[in-house]
Amino acid sequence: MAVEARYVSTRDESKIWKTADEADAYDKKLEFAEQLQPLLVRMLANASVIASGEQVEEMALSLADDVDVLRAIIPAQKKVRQP
């Protein structure tokens, strides 16, 4: 009998991956999307745009898919000192 290793995401157990690296990358994407959600909510509120929680989650996941593009667009910024 053959043995097959399968990996699951710790954040979404419905997905099964063939390598640990794939599962880790997916976890990181979900974590980044989760961190983006409060920012998106604030931005939408400032723009007087009403979006459901599901819509915000989908926007965050879409942005997380393009994290490399975001990193290129938004370089690391130094924090401004407050007097």
C-alpha atoms as a PDB file:
ATOM      1  CA  MET A   1       0.000   0.000   0.000  1.00  0.00           C
ATOM      2  CA  ALA A   2       1.354   3.436  -0.928  1.00  0.00           C
ATOM      3  CA  VAL A   3       1.567   6.283   1.519  1.00  0.00           C
ATOM      4  CA  GLU A   4       0.677   9.766   0.370  1.00  0.00           C
ATOM      5  CA  ALA A   5       1.379  12.875   2.413  1.00  0.00           C
ATOM      6  CA  ARG A   6      -1.233  15.592   2.282  1.00  0.00           C
ATOM      7  CA  TYR A   7      -1.059  19.020   3.815  1.00  0.00           C
ATOM      8  CA  VAL A   8      -3.918  21.217   4.946  1.00  0.00           C
ATOM      9  CA  SER A   9      -4.043  24.892   5.676  1.00  0.00           C
ATOM     10  CA  THR A  10      -4.351  25.716   9.361  1.00  0.00           C
ATOM     11  CA  ARG A  11      -6.762  28.525   8.456  1.00  0.00           C
ATOM     12  CA  ASP A  12      -8.840  26.642   5.859  1.00  0.00           C
ATOM     13  CA  GLU A  13      -8.961  22.883   6.346  1.00  0.00           C
ATOM     14  CA  SER A  14     -11.090  22.404   3.224  1.00  0.00           C
ATOM     15  CA  LYS A  15      -8.019  22.859   1.008  1.00  0.00           C
ATOM     16  CA  ILE A  16      -5.541  20.003   0.615  1.00  0.00           C
ATOM     17  CA  TRP A  17      -2.039  20.572  -0.747  1.00  0.00           C
ATOM     18  CA  LYS A  18       0.636  18.181  -1.959  1.00  0.00           C
ATOM     19  CA  THR A  19       3.524  20.081  -0.367  1.00  0.00           C
ATOM     20  CA  ALA A  20       4.020  21.871   2.931  1.00  0.00           C
ATOM     21  CA  ASP A  21       5.303  24.920   1.050  1.00  0.00           C
ATOM     22  CA  GLU A  22       2.027  25.251  -0.852  1.00  0.00           C
ATOM     23  CA  ALA A  23       0.008  24.989   2.359  1.00  0.00           C
ATOM     24  CA  ASP A  24       2.262  27.545   4.082  1.00  0.00           C
ATOM     25  CA  ALA A  25       1.977  29.971   1.158  1.00  0.00           C
ATOM     26  CA  TYR A  26      -1.814  29.674   1.273  1.00  0.00           C
ATOM     27  CA  ASP A  27      -1.819  30.275   5.043  1.00  0.00           C
ATOM     28  CA  LYS A  28       0.316  33.391   4.569  1.00  0.00           C
ATOM     29  CA  LYS A  29      -2.051  34.660   1.870  1.00  0.00           C
ATOM     30  CA  LEU A  30      -5.062  34.182   4.172  1.00  0.00           C
ATOM     31  CA  GLU A  31      -3.238  35.853   7.070  1.00  0.00           C
ATOM     32  CA  PHE A  32      -2.294  38.848   4.903  1.00  0.00           C
ATOM     33  CA  ALA A  33      -5.884  39.137   3.644  1.00  0.00           C
ATOM     34  CA  GLU A  34      -7.120  39.064   7.247  1.00  0.00           C
ATOM     35  CA  GLN A  35      -4.726  41.878   8.157  1.00  0.00           C
ATOM     36  CA  LEU A  36      -5.892  43.948   5.166  1.00  0.00           C
ATOM     37  CA  GLN A  37      -9.565  43.830   6.105  1.00  0.00           C
ATOM     38  CA  PRO A  38      -9.562  46.573   8.806  1.00  0.00           C
ATOM     39  CA  LEU A  39      -7.652  48.854   6.434  1.00  0.00           C
ATOM     40  CA  LEU A  40     -10.164  48.225   3.657  1.00  0.00           C
ATOM     41  CA  VAL A  41     -13.089  48.868   6.003  1.00  0.00           C
ATOM     42  CA  ARG A  42     -11.581  52.239   7.004  1.00  0.00           C
ATOM     43  CA  MET A  43     -10.832  53.182   3.405  1.00  0.00           C
ATOM     44  CA  LEU A  44     -14.330  52.280   2.249  1.00  0.00           C
ATOM     45  CA  ALA A  45     -15.888  54.184   5.157  1.00  0.00           C
ATOM     46  CA  ASN A  46     -13.778  57.258   4.335  1.00  0.00           C
ATOM     47  CA  ALA A  47     -15.000  57.025   0.747  1.00  0.00           C
ATOM     48  CA  SER A  48     -18.619  56.587   1.930  1.00  0.00           C
ATOM     49  CA  VAL A  49     -18.777  53.178   0.237  1.00  0.00           C
ATOM     50  CA  ILE A  50     -20.929  50.509   1.825  1.00  0.00           C
ATOM     51  CA  ALA A  51     -19.616  46.949   1.501  1.00  0.00           C
ATOM     52  CA  SER A  52     -20.651  43.747   3.212  1.00  0.00           C
ATOM     53  CA  GLY A  53     -18.178  41.739   5.253  1.00  0.00           C
ATOM     54  CA  GLU A  54     -18.082  39.159   2.469  1.00  0.00           C
ATOM     55  CA  GLN A  55     -17.233  41.835  -0.108  1.00  0.00           C
ATOM     56  CA  VAL A  56     -14.436  43.198   2.087  1.00  0.00           C
ATOM     57  CA  GLU A  57     -13.087  39.664   2.521  1.00  0.00           C
ATOM     58  CA  GLU A  58     -13.113  39.097  -1.251  1.00  0.00           C
ATOM     59  CA  MET A  59     -11.330  42.405  -1.861  1.00  0.00           C
ATOM     60  CA  ALA A  60      -8.694  41.502   0.733  1.00  0.00           C
ATOM     61  CA  LEU A  61      -8.153  38.081  -0.840  1.00  0.00           C
ATOM     62  CA  SER A  62      -7.799  39.673  -4.274  1.00  0.00           C
ATOM     63  CA  LEU A  63      -5.208  42.097  -2.940  1.00  0.00           C
ATOM     64  CA  ALA A  64      -3.399  39.252  -1.154  1.00  0.00           C
ATOM     65  CA  ASP A  65      -3.146  37.417  -4.476  1.00  0.00           C
ATOM     66  CA  ASP A  66      -1.120  40.369  -5.778  1.00  0.00           C
ATOM     67  CA  VAL A  67       1.066  40.929  -2.723  1.00  0.00           C
ATOM     68  CA  ASP A  68       4.209  41.212  -4.867  1.00  0.00           C
ATOM     69  CA  VAL A  69       2.628  44.023  -6.879  1.00  0.00           C
ATOM     70  CA  LEU A  70       1.609  45.781  -3.660  1.00  0.00           C
ATOM     71  CA  ARG A  71       5.148  45.524  -2.317  1.00  0.00           C
ATOM     72  CA  ALA A  72       6.489  47.099  -5.503  1.00  0.00           C
ATOM     73  CA  ILE A  73       3.941  49.925  -5.417  1.00  0.00           C
ATOM     74  CA  ILE A  74       4.249  50.717  -1.714  1.00  0.00           C
ATOM     75  CA  PRO A  75       7.909  50.845  -0.728  1.00  0.00           C
ATOM     76  CA  ALA A  76       8.860  50.674   2.919  1.00  0.00           C
ATOM     77  CA  GLN A  77       8.176  54.042   4.468  1.00  0.00           C
ATOM     78  CA  LYS A  78       9.973  55.543   7.431  1.00  0.00           C
ATOM     79  CA  LYS A  79       7.698  56.467  10.287  1.00  0.00           C
ATOM     80  CA  VAL A  80       7.305  60.196  10.728  1.00  0.00           C
ATOM     81  CA  ARG A  81       8.366  61.375  14.164  1.00  0.00           C
ATOM     82  CA  GLN A  82       5.772  63.305  16.027  1.00  0.00           C
ATOM     83  CA  PRO A  83       7.073  66.352  17.980  1.00  0.00           C
END
